[in-house]
Amino acid sequence: MKIHLVPAAAGFVLLAGIGVAAADQVIVTPEQQTIIREHVQKHPLASVSLLGVELNVGSALPDTVELQSIPDVQYRYAVVDNRTVLVDPGTRRIVQVID
């Protein structure tokens, strides 16, 4: 009986991990996308160069990068290596790279 429980428990843990990973995904609504793009175009920032930091979703920006707010959006933005990134201000992790 115990032999059957081990694979079942392992499968449950795997599924729970997938659920947690999916919960970490950030969904930016089309309305927020429009607000973000318009704000970034109206308020351009100088680009900051960062060596050794990959601009991927989930990558953290160092404290030296100043984050700018966007009205009606919980996230902040910065321009790094000529790419605009949307950042969670609490974790400083990139939630979206805007091209």
PDB file of N, CA and C in Angstrom:
ATOM      1  N   MET A   1       0.821  -1.192   0.000  1.00  0.00           N
ATOM      2  CA  MET A   1       0.000   0.000   0.000  1.00  0.00           C
ATOM      3  C   MET A   1       0.867   1.260   0.000  1.00  0.00           C
ATOM      4  N   LYS A   2       1.940   1.261   0.789  1.00  0.00           N
ATOM      5  CA  LYS A   2       2.809   2.433   0.853  1.00  0.00           C
ATOM      6  C   LYS A   2       3.500   2.689  -0.481  1.00  0.00           C
ATOM      7  N   ILE A   3       3.741   1.646  -1.242  1.00  0.00           N
ATOM      8  CA  ILE A   3       4.412   1.788  -2.534  1.00  0.00           C
ATOM      9  C   ILE A   3       3.569   2.623  -3.484  1.00  0.00           C
ATOM     10  N   HIS A   4       2.274   2.515  -3.423  1.00  0.00           N
ATOM     11  CA  HIS A   4       1.396   3.277  -4.300  1.00  0.00           C
ATOM     12  C   HIS A   4       1.264   4.729  -3.866  1.00  0.00           C
ATOM     13  N   LEU A   5       1.463   5.002  -2.608  1.00  0.00           N
ATOM     14  CA  LEU A   5       1.325   6.361  -2.109  1.00  0.00           C
ATOM     15  C   LEU A   5       2.493   7.251  -2.489  1.00  0.00           C
ATOM     16  N   VAL A   6       3.678   6.696  -2.596  1.00  0.00           N
ATOM     17  CA  VAL A   6       4.858   7.506  -2.918  1.00  0.00           C
ATOM     18  C   VAL A   6       4.729   8.156  -4.299  1.00  0.00           C
ATOM     19  N   PRO A   7       4.411   7.419  -5.374  1.00  0.00           N
ATOM     20  CA  PRO A   7       4.247   8.074  -6.669  1.00  0.00           C
ATOM     21  C   PRO A   7       3.092   9.072  -6.675  1.00  0.00           C
ATOM     22  N   ALA A   8       2.025   8.745  -5.970  1.00  0.00           N
ATOM     23  CA  ALA A   8       0.882   9.665  -5.913  1.00  0.00           C
ATOM     24  C   ALA A   8       1.282  10.957  -5.215  1.00  0.00           C
ATOM     25  N   ALA A   9       2.027  10.840  -4.113  1.00  0.00           N
ATOM     26  CA  ALA A   9       2.477  12.028  -3.394  1.00  0.00           C
ATOM     27  C   ALA A   9       3.433  12.856  -4.251  1.00  0.00           C
ATOM     28  N   ALA A  10       4.329  12.181  -4.961  1.00  0.00           N
ATOM     29  CA  ALA A  10       5.269  12.890  -5.837  1.00  0.00           C
ATOM     30  C   ALA A  10       4.522  13.620  -6.946  1.00  0.00           C
ATOM     31  N   GLY A  11       3.512  12.983  -7.507  1.00  0.00           N
ATOM     32  CA  GLY A  11       2.709  13.624  -8.546  1.00  0.00           C
ATOM     33  C   GLY A  11       1.974  14.829  -8.015  1.00  0.00           C
ATOM     34  N   PHE A  12       1.454  14.736  -6.808  1.00  0.00           N
ATOM     35  CA  PHE A  12       0.747  15.856  -6.201  1.00  0.00           C
ATOM     36  C   PHE A  12       1.685  17.041  -5.985  1.00  0.00           C
ATOM     37  N   VAL A  13       2.881  16.758  -5.481  1.00  0.00           N
ATOM     38  CA  VAL A  13       3.864  17.824  -5.252  1.00  0.00           C
ATOM     39  C   VAL A  13       4.230  18.491  -6.569  1.00  0.00           C
ATOM     40  N   LEU A  14       4.396  17.709  -7.618  1.00  0.00           N
ATOM     41  CA  LEU A  14       4.723  18.255  -8.930  1.00  0.00           C
ATOM     42  C   LEU A  14       3.602  19.166  -9.425  1.00  0.00           C
ATOM     43  N   LEU A  15       2.374  18.711  -9.314  1.00  0.00           N
ATOM     44  CA  LEU A  15       1.237  19.518  -9.752  1.00  0.00           C
ATOM     45  C   LEU A  15       1.100  20.783  -8.918  1.00  0.00           C
ATOM     46  N   ALA A  16       1.340  20.693  -7.633  1.00  0.00           N
ATOM     47  CA  ALA A  16       1.274  21.870  -6.774  1.00  0.00           C
ATOM     48  C   ALA A  16       2.328  22.885  -7.186  1.00  0.00           C
ATOM     49  N   GLY A  17       3.519  22.420  -7.540  1.00  0.00           N
ATOM     50  CA  GLY A  17       4.584  23.317  -7.990  1.00  0.00           C
ATOM     51  C   GLY A  17       4.225  24.020  -9.278  1.00  0.00           C
ATOM     52  N   ILE A  18       3.574  23.301 -10.190  1.00  0.00           N
ATOM     53  CA  ILE A  18       3.137  23.920 -11.445  1.00  0.00           C
ATOM     54  C   ILE A  18       2.100  24.988 -11.165  1.00  0.00           C
ATOM     55  N   GLY A  19       1.201  24.724 -10.234  1.00  0.00           N
ATOM     56  CA  GLY A  19       0.179  25.708  -9.877  1.00  0.00           C
ATOM     57  C   GLY A  19       0.787  26.969  -9.302  1.00  0.00           C
ATOM     58  N   VAL A  20       1.804  26.823  -8.464  1.00  0.00           N
ATOM     59  CA  VAL A  20       2.468  27.976  -7.879  1.00  0.00           C
ATOM     60  C   VAL A  20       3.188  28.763  -8.954  1.00  0.00           C
ATOM     61  N   ALA A  21       3.859  28.086  -9.877  1.00  0.00           N
ATOM     62  CA  ALA A  21       4.569  28.780 -10.955  1.00  0.00           C
ATOM     63  C   ALA A  21       3.585  29.551 -11.814  1.00  0.00           C
ATOM     64  N   ALA A  22       2.438  28.965 -12.101  1.00  0.00           N
ATOM     65  CA  ALA A  22       1.435  29.655 -12.916  1.00  0.00           C
ATOM     66  C   ALA A  22       0.883  30.864 -12.180  1.00  0.00           C
ATOM     67  N   ALA A  23       0.763  30.776 -10.856  1.00  0.00           N
ATOM     68  CA  ALA A  23       0.244  31.892 -10.077  1.00  0.00           C
ATOM     69  C   ALA A  23       1.211  33.069 -10.090  1.00  0.00           C
ATOM     70  N   ASP A  24       2.508  32.813 -10.318  1.00  0.00           N
ATOM     71  CA  ASP A  24       3.492  33.883 -10.351  1.00  0.00           C
ATOM     72  C   ASP A  24       3.464  34.663 -11.661  1.00  0.00           C
ATOM     73  N   GLN A  25       2.794  34.145 -12.663  1.00  0.00           N
ATOM     74  CA  GLN A  25       2.725  34.839 -13.939  1.00  0.00           C
ATOM     75  C   GLN A  25       1.945  36.131 -13.784  1.00  0.00           C
ATOM     76  N   VAL A  26       2.434  37.173 -14.409  1.00  0.00           N
ATOM     77  CA  VAL A  26       1.767  38.459 -14.361  1.00  0.00           C
ATOM     78  C   VAL A  26       0.991  38.646 -15.650  1.00  0.00           C
ATOM     79  N   ILE A  27      -0.252  38.993 -15.502  1.00  0.00           N
ATOM     80  CA  ILE A  27      -1.077  39.255 -16.672  1.00  0.00           C
ATOM     81  C   ILE A  27      -1.389  40.745 -16.691  1.00  0.00           C
ATOM     82  N   VAL A  28      -0.923  41.402 -17.733  1.00  0.00           N
ATOM     83  CA  VAL A  28      -1.182  42.821 -17.914  1.00  0.00           C
ATOM     84  C   VAL A  28      -2.337  42.922 -18.915  1.00  0.00           C
ATOM     85  N   THR A  29      -3.424  43.545 -18.479  1.00  0.00           N
ATOM     86  CA  THR A  29      -4.614  43.633 -19.326  1.00  0.00           C
ATOM     87  C   THR A  29      -4.341  44.524 -20.535  1.00  0.00           C
ATOM     88  N   PRO A  30      -5.137  44.367 -21.594  1.00  0.00           N
ATOM     89  CA  PRO A  30      -4.965  45.247 -22.765  1.00  0.00           C
ATOM     90  C   PRO A  30      -5.114  46.727 -22.409  1.00  0.00           C
ATOM     91  N   GLU A  31      -5.995  47.030 -21.470  1.00  0.00           N
ATOM     92  CA  GLU A  31      -6.171  48.426 -21.045  1.00  0.00           C
ATOM     93  C   GLU A  31      -4.899  48.945 -20.382  1.00  0.00           C
ATOM     94  N   GLN A  32      -4.292  48.105 -19.519  1.00  0.00           N
ATOM     95  CA  GLN A  32      -3.041  48.497 -18.877  1.00  0.00           C
ATOM     96  C   GLN A  32      -1.923  48.625 -19.906  1.00  0.00           C
ATOM     97  N   GLN A  33      -1.891  47.735 -20.892  1.00  0.00           N
ATOM     98  CA  GLN A  33      -0.887  47.809 -21.966  1.00  0.00           C
ATOM     99  C   GLN A  33      -0.955  49.171 -22.646  1.00  0.00           C
ATOM    100  N   THR A  34      -2.175  49.616 -22.946  1.00  0.00           N
ATOM    101  CA  THR A  34      -2.364  50.910 -23.617  1.00  0.00           C
ATOM    102  C   THR A  34      -1.872  52.046 -22.730  1.00  0.00           C
ATOM    103  N   ILE A  35      -2.251  52.016 -21.459  1.00  0.00           N
ATOM    104  CA  ILE A  35      -1.825  53.056 -20.517  1.00  0.00           C
ATOM    105  C   ILE A  35      -0.297  53.079 -20.421  1.00  0.00           C
ATOM    106  N   ILE A  36       0.303  51.906 -20.308  1.00  0.00           N
ATOM    107  CA  ILE A  36       1.756  51.807 -20.173  1.00  0.00           C
ATOM    108  C   ILE A  36       2.455  52.354 -21.405  1.00  0.00           C
ATOM    109  N   ARG A  37       2.044  51.911 -22.592  1.00  0.00           N
ATOM    110  CA  ARG A  37       2.697  52.364 -23.827  1.00  0.00           C
ATOM    111  C   ARG A  37       2.567  53.873 -24.021  1.00  0.00           C
ATOM    112  N   GLU A  38       1.374  54.419 -23.760  1.00  0.00           N
ATOM    113  CA  GLU A  38       1.180  55.865 -23.915  1.00  0.00           C
ATOM    114  C   GLU A  38       2.036  56.638 -22.920  1.00  0.00           C
ATOM    115  N   HIS A  39       2.093  56.159 -21.683  1.00  0.00           N
ATOM    116  CA  HIS A  39       2.883  56.851 -20.663  1.00  0.00           C
ATOM    117  C   HIS A  39       4.375  56.812 -21.002  1.00  0.00           C
ATOM    118  N   VAL A  40       4.857  55.659 -21.415  1.00  0.00           N
ATOM    119  CA  VAL A  40       6.275  55.515 -21.756  1.00  0.00           C
ATOM    120  C   VAL A  40       6.636  56.410 -22.938  1.00  0.00           C
ATOM    121  N   GLN A  41       5.739  56.520 -23.927  1.00  0.00           N
ATOM    122  CA  GLN A  41       6.009  57.384 -25.080  1.00  0.00           C
ATOM    123  C   GLN A  41       6.017  58.857 -24.679  1.00  0.00           C
ATOM    124  N   LYS A  42       5.133  59.250 -23.767  1.00  0.00           N
ATOM    125  CA  LYS A  42       5.043  60.648 -23.345  1.00  0.00           C
ATOM    126  C   LYS A  42       6.132  61.029 -22.349  1.00  0.00           C
ATOM    127  N   HIS A  43       6.683  60.040 -21.636  1.00  0.00           N
ATOM    128  CA  HIS A  43       7.690  60.292 -20.611  1.00  0.00           C
ATOM    129  C   HIS A  43       8.920  59.419 -20.846  1.00  0.00           C
ATOM    130  N   PRO A  44       9.664  59.694 -21.922  1.00  0.00           N
ATOM    131  CA  PRO A  44      10.838  58.858 -22.217  1.00  0.00           C
ATOM    132  C   PRO A  44      11.919  59.028 -21.151  1.00  0.00           C
ATOM    133  N   LEU A  45      12.610  57.937 -20.907  1.00  0.00           N
ATOM    134  CA  LEU A  45      13.707  57.932 -19.937  1.00  0.00           C
ATOM    135  C   LEU A  45      15.020  57.644 -20.642  1.00  0.00           C
ATOM    136  N   ALA A  46      16.096  58.127 -20.043  1.00  0.00           N
ATOM    137  CA  ALA A  46      17.421  57.771 -20.549  1.00  0.00           C
ATOM    138  C   ALA A  46      17.683  56.312 -20.207  1.00  0.00           C
ATOM    139  N   SER A  47      18.338  55.633 -21.111  1.00  0.00           N
ATOM    140  CA  SER A  47      18.643  54.225 -20.908  1.00  0.00           C
ATOM    141  C   SER A  47      19.802  54.057 -19.937  1.00  0.00           C
ATOM    142  N   VAL A  48      19.703  53.036 -19.098  1.00  0.00           N
ATOM    143  CA  VAL A  48      20.745  52.684 -18.145  1.00  0.00           C
ATOM    144  C   VAL A  48      21.422  51.421 -18.648  1.00  0.00           C
ATOM    145  N   SER A  49      22.741  51.386 -18.612  1.00  0.00           N
ATOM    146  CA  SER A  49      23.463  50.177 -19.018  1.00  0.00           C
ATOM    147  C   SER A  49      23.761  49.330 -17.788  1.00  0.00           C
ATOM    148  N   LEU A  50      23.450  48.040 -17.905  1.00  0.00           N
ATOM    149  CA  LEU A  50      23.736  47.106 -16.816  1.00  0.00           C
ATOM    150  C   LEU A  50      24.488  45.913 -17.378  1.00  0.00           C
ATOM    151  N   LEU A  51      25.691  45.719 -16.905  1.00  0.00           N
ATOM    152  CA  LEU A  51      26.460  44.559 -17.325  1.00  0.00           C
ATOM    153  C   LEU A  51      26.080  43.361 -16.463  1.00  0.00           C
ATOM    154  N   GLY A  52      25.890  42.236 -17.084  1.00  0.00           N
ATOM    155  CA  GLY A  52      25.626  41.012 -16.344  1.00  0.00           C
ATOM    156  C   GLY A  52      24.188  40.806 -15.915  1.00  0.00           C
ATOM    157  N   VAL A  53      23.279  41.697 -16.297  1.00  0.00           N
ATOM    158  CA  VAL A  53      21.868  41.530 -15.952  1.00  0.00           C
ATOM    159  C   VAL A  53      21.104  41.181 -17.219  1.00  0.00           C
ATOM    160  N   GLU A  54      20.483  40.018 -17.219  1.00  0.00           N
ATOM    161  CA  GLU A  54      19.680  39.611 -18.363  1.00  0.00           C
ATOM    162  C   GLU A  54      18.296  40.225 -18.242  1.00  0.00           C
ATOM    163  N   LEU A  55      17.808  40.766 -19.324  1.00  0.00           N
ATOM    164  CA  LEU A  55      16.489  41.396 -19.313  1.00  0.00           C
ATOM    165  C   LEU A  55      15.425  40.371 -19.675  1.00  0.00           C
ATOM    166  N   ASN A  56      15.167  39.486 -18.741  1.00  0.00           N
ATOM    167  CA  ASN A  56      14.157  38.456 -18.906  1.00  0.00           C
ATOM    168  C   ASN A  56      13.111  38.610 -17.821  1.00  0.00           C
ATOM    169  N   VAL A  57      11.920  38.119 -18.093  1.00  0.00           N
ATOM    170  CA  VAL A  57      10.891  38.101 -17.068  1.00  0.00           C
ATOM    171  C   VAL A  57      11.421  37.292 -15.893  1.00  0.00           C
ATOM    172  N   GLY A  58      11.336  37.871 -14.700  1.00  0.00           N
ATOM    173  CA  GLY A  58      11.826  37.212 -13.497  1.00  0.00           C
ATOM    174  C   GLY A  58      13.185  37.707 -13.040  1.00  0.00           C
ATOM    175  N   SER A  59      13.943  38.348 -13.941  1.00  0.00           N
ATOM    176  CA  SER A  59      15.250  38.889 -13.549  1.00  0.00           C
ATOM    177  C   SER A  59      15.031  40.095 -12.632  1.00  0.00           C
ATOM    178  N   ALA A  60      15.895  40.245 -11.639  1.00  0.00           N
ATOM    179  CA  ALA A  60      15.782  41.367 -10.702  1.00  0.00           C
ATOM    180  C   ALA A  60      16.720  42.495 -11.116  1.00  0.00           C
ATOM    181  N   LEU A  61      16.227  43.720 -10.990  1.00  0.00           N
ATOM    182  CA  LEU A  61      17.059  44.892 -11.266  1.00  0.00           C
ATOM    183  C   LEU A  61      17.699  45.353  -9.964  1.00  0.00           C
ATOM    184  N   PRO A  62      18.938  45.794 -10.023  1.00  0.00           N
ATOM    185  CA  PRO A  62      19.599  46.280  -8.809  1.00  0.00           C
ATOM    186  C   PRO A  62      18.965  47.572  -8.308  1.00  0.00           C
ATOM    187  N   ASP A  63      19.220  47.886  -7.048  1.00  0.00           N
ATOM    188  CA  ASP A  63      18.655  49.091  -6.436  1.00  0.00           C
ATOM    189  C   ASP A  63      19.136  50.376  -7.096  1.00  0.00           C
ATOM    190  N   THR A  64      20.222  50.302  -7.861  1.00  0.00           N
ATOM    191  CA  THR A  64      20.760  51.503  -8.512  1.00  0.00           C
ATOM    192  C   THR A  64      19.893  51.969  -9.678  1.00  0.00           C
ATOM    193  N   VAL A  65      19.004  51.098 -10.168  1.00  0.00           N
ATOM    194  CA  VAL A  65      18.129  51.466 -11.278  1.00  0.00           C
ATOM    195  C   VAL A  65      16.884  52.143 -10.713  1.00  0.00           C
ATOM    196  N   GLU A  66      16.657  53.395 -11.121  1.00  0.00           N
ATOM    197  CA  GLU A  66      15.499  54.146 -10.649  1.00  0.00           C
ATOM    198  C   GLU A  66      14.256  53.703 -11.419  1.00  0.00           C
ATOM    199  N   LEU A  67      13.211  53.365 -10.682  1.00  0.00           N
ATOM    200  CA  LEU A  67      11.959  52.937 -11.286  1.00  0.00           C
ATOM    201  C   LEU A  67      10.978  54.098 -11.320  1.00  0.00           C
ATOM    202  N   GLN A  68      10.305  54.259 -12.434  1.00  0.00           N
ATOM    203  CA  GLN A  68       9.340  55.334 -12.614  1.00  0.00           C
ATOM    204  C   GLN A  68       7.922  54.786 -12.510  1.00  0.00           C
ATOM    205  N   SER A  69       7.043  55.553 -11.892  1.00  0.00           N
ATOM    206  CA  SER A  69       5.661  55.102 -11.727  1.00  0.00           C
ATOM    207  C   SER A  69       4.830  55.414 -12.961  1.00  0.00           C
ATOM    208  N   ILE A  70       3.723  54.701 -13.075  1.00  0.00           N
ATOM    209  CA  ILE A  70       2.758  54.878 -14.151  1.00  0.00           C
ATOM    210  C   ILE A  70       1.395  55.021 -13.487  1.00  0.00           C
ATOM    211  N   PRO A  71       0.657  56.099 -13.764  1.00  0.00           N
ATOM    212  CA  PRO A  71      -0.657  56.265 -13.136  1.00  0.00           C
ATOM    213  C   PRO A  71      -1.582  55.080 -13.442  1.00  0.00           C
ATOM    214  N   ASP A  72      -2.309  54.641 -12.430  1.00  0.00           N
ATOM    215  CA  ASP A  72      -3.308  53.578 -12.536  1.00  0.00           C
ATOM    216  C   ASP A  72      -2.726  52.202 -12.841  1.00  0.00           C
ATOM    217  N   VAL A  73      -1.419  52.023 -12.683  1.00  0.00           N
ATOM    218  CA  VAL A  73      -0.776  50.725 -12.899  1.00  0.00           C
ATOM    219  C   VAL A  73       0.093  50.443 -11.678  1.00  0.00           C
ATOM    220  N   GLN A  74       0.006  49.232 -11.140  1.00  0.00           N
ATOM    221  CA  GLN A  74       0.760  48.903  -9.923  1.00  0.00           C
ATOM    222  C   GLN A  74       2.241  48.716 -10.173  1.00  0.00           C
ATOM    223  N   TYR A  75       2.643  48.554 -11.413  1.00  0.00           N
ATOM    224  CA  TYR A  75       4.043  48.305 -11.735  1.00  0.00           C
ATOM    225  C   TYR A  75       4.768  49.596 -12.059  1.00  0.00           C
ATOM    226  N   ARG A  76       6.093  49.533 -12.070  1.00  0.00           N
ATOM    227  CA  ARG A  76       6.951  50.668 -12.432  1.00  0.00           C
ATOM    228  C   ARG A  76       7.699  50.287 -13.702  1.00  0.00           C
ATOM    229  N   TYR A  77       8.377  51.273 -14.291  1.00  0.00           N
ATOM    230  CA  TYR A  77       9.155  50.957 -15.487  1.00  0.00           C
ATOM    231  C   TYR A  77      10.511  51.622 -15.441  1.00  0.00           C
ATOM    232  N   ALA A  78      11.396  51.077 -16.260  1.00  0.00           N
ATOM    233  CA  ALA A  78      12.740  51.617 -16.423  1.00  0.00           C
ATOM    234  C   ALA A  78      13.181  51.276 -17.841  1.00  0.00           C
ATOM    235  N   VAL A  79      14.183  51.987 -18.315  1.00  0.00           N
ATOM    236  CA  VAL A  79      14.765  51.686 -19.623  1.00  0.00           C
ATOM    237  C   VAL A  79      16.187  51.197 -19.361  1.00  0.00           C
ATOM    238  N   VAL A  80      16.409  49.939 -19.710  1.00  0.00           N
ATOM    239  CA  VAL A  80      17.702  49.306 -19.469  1.00  0.00           C
ATOM    240  C   VAL A  80      18.221  48.769 -20.797  1.00  0.00           C
ATOM    241  N   ASP A  81      19.440  49.163 -21.135  1.00  0.00           N
ATOM    242  CA  ASP A  81      20.043  48.738 -22.394  1.00  0.00           C
ATOM    243  C   ASP A  81      19.099  48.987 -23.574  1.00  0.00           C
ATOM    244  N   ASN A  82      18.483  50.157 -23.572  1.00  0.00           N
ATOM    245  CA  ASN A  82      17.571  50.615 -24.626  1.00  0.00           C
ATOM    246  C   ASN A  82      16.300  49.772 -24.757  1.00  0.00           C
ATOM    247  N   ARG A  83      15.940  49.063 -23.701  1.00  0.00           N
ATOM    248  CA  ARG A  83      14.704  48.282 -23.683  1.00  0.00           C
ATOM    249  C   ARG A  83      13.887  48.703 -22.467  1.00  0.00           C
ATOM    250  N   THR A  84      12.601  48.926 -22.683  1.00  0.00           N
ATOM    251  CA  THR A  84      11.723  49.310 -21.589  1.00  0.00           C
ATOM    252  C   THR A  84      11.233  48.053 -20.884  1.00  0.00           C
ATOM    253  N   VAL A  85      11.362  48.045 -19.562  1.00  0.00           N
ATOM    254  CA  VAL A  85      10.935  46.892 -18.776  1.00  0.00           C
ATOM    255  C   VAL A  85       9.918  47.334 -17.727  1.00  0.00           C
ATOM    256  N   LEU A  86       8.925  46.503 -17.518  1.00  0.00           N
ATOM    257  CA  LEU A  86       7.916  46.703 -16.498  1.00  0.00           C
ATOM    258  C   LEU A  86       8.356  45.906 -15.277  1.00  0.00           C
ATOM    259  N   VAL A  87       8.354  46.542 -14.109  1.00  0.00           N
ATOM    260  CA  VAL A  87       8.973  45.953 -12.927  1.00  0.00           C
ATOM    261  C   VAL A  87       8.008  45.971 -11.740  1.00  0.00           C
ATOM    262  N   ASP A  88       8.001  44.881 -10.974  1.00  0.00           N
ATOM    263  CA  ASP A  88       7.266  44.832  -9.715  1.00  0.00           C
ATOM    264  C   ASP A  88       8.095  45.610  -8.702  1.00  0.00           C
ATOM    265  N   PRO A  89       7.568  46.722  -8.157  1.00  0.00           N
ATOM    266  CA  PRO A  89       8.385  47.545  -7.263  1.00  0.00           C
ATOM    267  C   PRO A  89       8.739  46.868  -5.947  1.00  0.00           C
ATOM    268  N   GLY A  90       7.948  45.893  -5.521  1.00  0.00           N
ATOM    269  CA  GLY A  90       8.232  45.202  -4.261  1.00  0.00           C
ATOM    270  C   GLY A  90       9.407  44.252  -4.351  1.00  0.00           C
ATOM    271  N   THR A  91       9.518  43.567  -5.471  1.00  0.00           N
ATOM    272  CA  THR A  91      10.590  42.581  -5.643  1.00  0.00           C
ATOM    273  C   THR A  91      11.677  43.066  -6.586  1.00  0.00           C
ATOM    274  N   ARG A  92      11.382  44.122  -7.364  1.00  0.00           N
ATOM    275  CA  ARG A  92      12.267  44.667  -8.392  1.00  0.00           C
ATOM    276  C   ARG A  92      12.493  43.662  -9.529  1.00  0.00           C
ATOM    277  N   ARG A  93      11.615  42.682  -9.638  1.00  0.00           N
ATOM    278  CA  ARG A  93      11.710  41.686 -10.700  1.00  0.00           C
ATOM    279  C   ARG A  93      10.959  42.186 -11.937  1.00  0.00           C
ATOM    280  N   ILE A  94      11.530  41.892 -13.109  1.00  0.00           N
ATOM    281  CA  ILE A  94      10.909  42.261 -14.373  1.00  0.00           C
ATOM    282  C   ILE A  94       9.687  41.382 -14.578  1.00  0.00           C
ATOM    283  N   VAL A  95       8.552  42.006 -14.870  1.00  0.00           N
ATOM    284  CA  VAL A  95       7.338  41.253 -15.147  1.00  0.00           C
ATOM    285  C   VAL A  95       7.007  41.250 -16.632  1.00  0.00           C
ATOM    286  N   GLN A  96       7.601  42.200 -17.365  1.00  0.00           N
ATOM    287  CA  GLN A  96       7.375  42.239 -18.810  1.00  0.00           C
ATOM    288  C   GLN A  96       8.445  43.101 -19.464  1.00  0.00           C
ATOM    289  N   VAL A  97       8.902  42.669 -20.625  1.00  0.00           N
ATOM    290  CA  VAL A  97       9.823  43.464 -21.432  1.00  0.00           C
ATOM    291  C   VAL A  97       8.979  44.039 -22.560  1.00  0.00           C
ATOM    292  N   ILE A  98       8.958  45.360 -22.665  1.00  0.00           N
ATOM    293  CA  ILE A  98       8.140  46.040 -23.664  1.00  0.00           C
ATOM    294  C   ILE A  98       9.020  46.393 -24.855  1.00  0.00           C
ATOM    295  N   ASP A  99       8.703  45.848 -26.011  1.00  0.00           N
ATOM    296  CA  ASP A  99       9.482  46.158 -27.222  1.00  0.00           C
ATOM    297  C   ASP A  99       8.732  47.103 -28.122  1.00  0.00           C
TER     298      ASP A  99
END
